[in-house]
């Protein structure tokens, strides 16, 4: 059974930084793509970053140049380094794991972690 658990959320001032972590257990972590999503109040959940089974990454335009996704396969962990945070980055952030190898069909989700950017 695959389990996905995020951590690292919190409150930060505009311009600050925060790093989220996500541990995915229950299978061979390195085989699968991982992604980060977020959902702001009153808005739909949106994809913001993904990393494939290698090191290839992709970002939504809204976070490109500010956020960095990375993975440590030895620790079954994917990270989201968030810099230059803005109030509009306030949201619940979710980590997701692909259900199939060599795909981005996100099937397993964490419970979410709150990120609040406010002065």
Protein backbone atom coordinates (compact mmCIF):
# COMPACT_ATOMS: atom_id res chain seq x y z
CA UNK A 1 0.00 0.00 0.00
CA UNK A 2 1.44 3.34 -1.03
CA UNK A 3 1.45 6.10 1.55
CA UNK A 4 2.28 9.72 0.89
CA UNK A 5 3.00 12.12 3.73
CA UNK A 6 3.89 15.80 3.40
CA UNK A 7 5.56 18.02 5.95
CA UNK A 8 7.17 21.41 6.24
CA UNK A 9 4.31 23.82 5.82
CA UNK A 10 3.96 26.95 7.91
CA UNK A 11 3.73 30.71 7.90
CA UNK A 12 6.25 32.96 6.23
CA UNK A 13 6.54 36.61 5.25
CA UNK A 14 6.46 37.71 1.62
CA UNK A 15 9.84 37.21 0.03
CA UNK A 16 10.66 34.39 2.39
CA UNK A 17 11.46 30.76 1.74
CA UNK A 18 10.07 27.41 2.80
CA UNK A 19 10.87 23.81 1.95
CA UNK A 20 8.24 21.11 1.83
CA UNK A 21 9.07 17.43 2.09
CA UNK A 22 7.09 14.41 1.00
CA UNK A 23 7.82 10.80 1.84
CA UNK A 24 6.26 8.11 -0.32
CA UNK A 25 6.48 4.57 1.00
CA UNK A 26 5.23 1.14 0.05
CA UNK A 27 6.99 0.57 -3.26
CA UNK A 28 10.17 1.34 -5.21
CA UNK A 29 10.18 5.12 -4.96
CA UNK A 30 12.64 5.82 -7.77
CA UNK A 31 10.44 4.23 -10.43
CA UNK A 32 7.66 6.79 -10.26
CA UNK A 33 7.01 10.42 -11.06
CA UNK A 34 6.13 12.73 -8.20
CA UNK A 35 4.25 15.99 -8.25
CA UNK A 36 3.26 18.93 -6.13
CA UNK A 37 -0.15 20.57 -6.31
CA UNK A 38 -1.81 23.33 -4.33
CA UNK A 39 -5.31 24.51 -3.57
CA UNK A 40 -6.07 28.03 -2.45
CA UNK A 41 -9.32 28.91 -0.69
CA UNK A 42 -12.18 29.02 -3.15
CA UNK A 43 -10.05 27.75 -6.02
CA UNK A 44 -9.51 24.44 -7.72
CA UNK A 45 -6.46 22.34 -7.06
CA UNK A 46 -3.66 23.20 -9.48
CA UNK A 47 -0.52 21.39 -10.50
CA UNK A 48 2.66 23.35 -9.81
CA UNK A 49 5.65 21.03 -10.27
CA UNK A 50 6.65 17.50 -11.18
CA UNK A 51 9.74 15.37 -11.35
CA UNK A 52 9.91 12.18 -13.33
CA UNK A 53 11.56 8.83 -12.56
CA UNK A 54 14.89 10.43 -13.45
CA UNK A 55 15.71 14.08 -12.91
CA UNK A 56 13.50 15.80 -15.45
CA UNK A 57 11.38 18.55 -13.93
CA UNK A 58 8.51 20.74 -15.04
CA UNK A 59 6.89 23.77 -13.45
CA UNK A 60 3.76 25.83 -13.77
CA UNK A 61 4.41 29.34 -15.02
CA UNK A 62 3.19 30.76 -11.73
CA UNK A 63 6.13 29.24 -9.82
CA UNK A 64 8.83 28.85 -12.47
CA UNK A 65 12.08 30.43 -11.35
CA UNK A 66 10.98 30.56 -7.70
CA UNK A 67 10.24 26.94 -6.80
CA UNK A 68 12.47 23.90 -7.21
CA UNK A 69 11.38 20.29 -7.06
CA UNK A 70 13.93 17.59 -6.31
CA UNK A 71 14.04 14.03 -5.10
CA UNK A 72 16.27 11.87 -2.91
CA UNK A 73 15.58 8.29 -3.85
CA UNK A 74 17.65 6.95 -0.96
CA UNK A 75 15.23 8.67 1.42
CA UNK A 76 12.04 8.05 -0.60
CA UNK A 77 11.53 11.79 -0.44
CA UNK A 78 10.62 14.57 -2.82
CA UNK A 79 11.16 18.21 -1.90
CA UNK A 80 9.70 21.52 -2.96
CA UNK A 81 12.01 24.44 -2.27
CA UNK A 82 9.97 27.63 -2.39
CA UNK A 83 11.72 30.99 -2.63
CA UNK A 84 10.49 34.55 -3.09
CA UNK A 85 7.13 33.58 -1.71
CA UNK A 86 4.14 35.77 -2.43
CA UNK A 87 0.78 36.11 -0.67
CA UNK A 88 -0.83 34.43 -3.67
CA UNK A 89 1.21 31.31 -2.89
CA UNK A 90 -0.95 30.80 0.18
CA UNK A 91 -2.63 27.43 -0.19
CA UNK A 92 -2.75 23.87 0.99
CA UNK A 93 0.06 22.04 -0.76
CA UNK A 94 -0.35 18.41 -1.76
CA UNK A 95 2.18 15.83 -2.81
CA UNK A 96 1.16 13.14 -5.26
CA UNK A 97 2.72 9.95 -6.57
CA UNK A 98 2.12 8.46 -9.98
CA UNK A 99 0.26 5.18 -10.11
CA UNK A 100 2.16 3.70 -13.04
CA UNK A 101 5.78 3.65 -14.09
CA UNK A 102 6.78 6.11 -16.80
CA UNK A 103 3.59 8.10 -16.40
CA UNK A 104 2.17 11.11 -14.65
CA UNK A 105 -1.12 9.54 -13.58
CA UNK A 106 -1.14 10.80 -10.02
CA UNK A 107 -2.97 8.22 -7.99
CA UNK A 108 -1.69 8.53 -4.46
CA UNK A 109 -2.08 11.73 -2.51
CA UNK A 110 -0.94 13.11 0.78
CA UNK A 111 -3.16 14.87 3.25
CA UNK A 112 -1.79 18.31 2.45
CA UNK A 113 0.20 20.90 4.36
CA UNK A 114 -0.77 24.53 4.82
CA UNK A 115 1.48 27.30 3.55
CA UNK A 116 0.54 30.86 4.50
CA UNK A 117 2.40 33.88 3.12
CA UNK A 118 1.49 37.02 4.95
CA UNK A 119 3.06 40.12 6.42
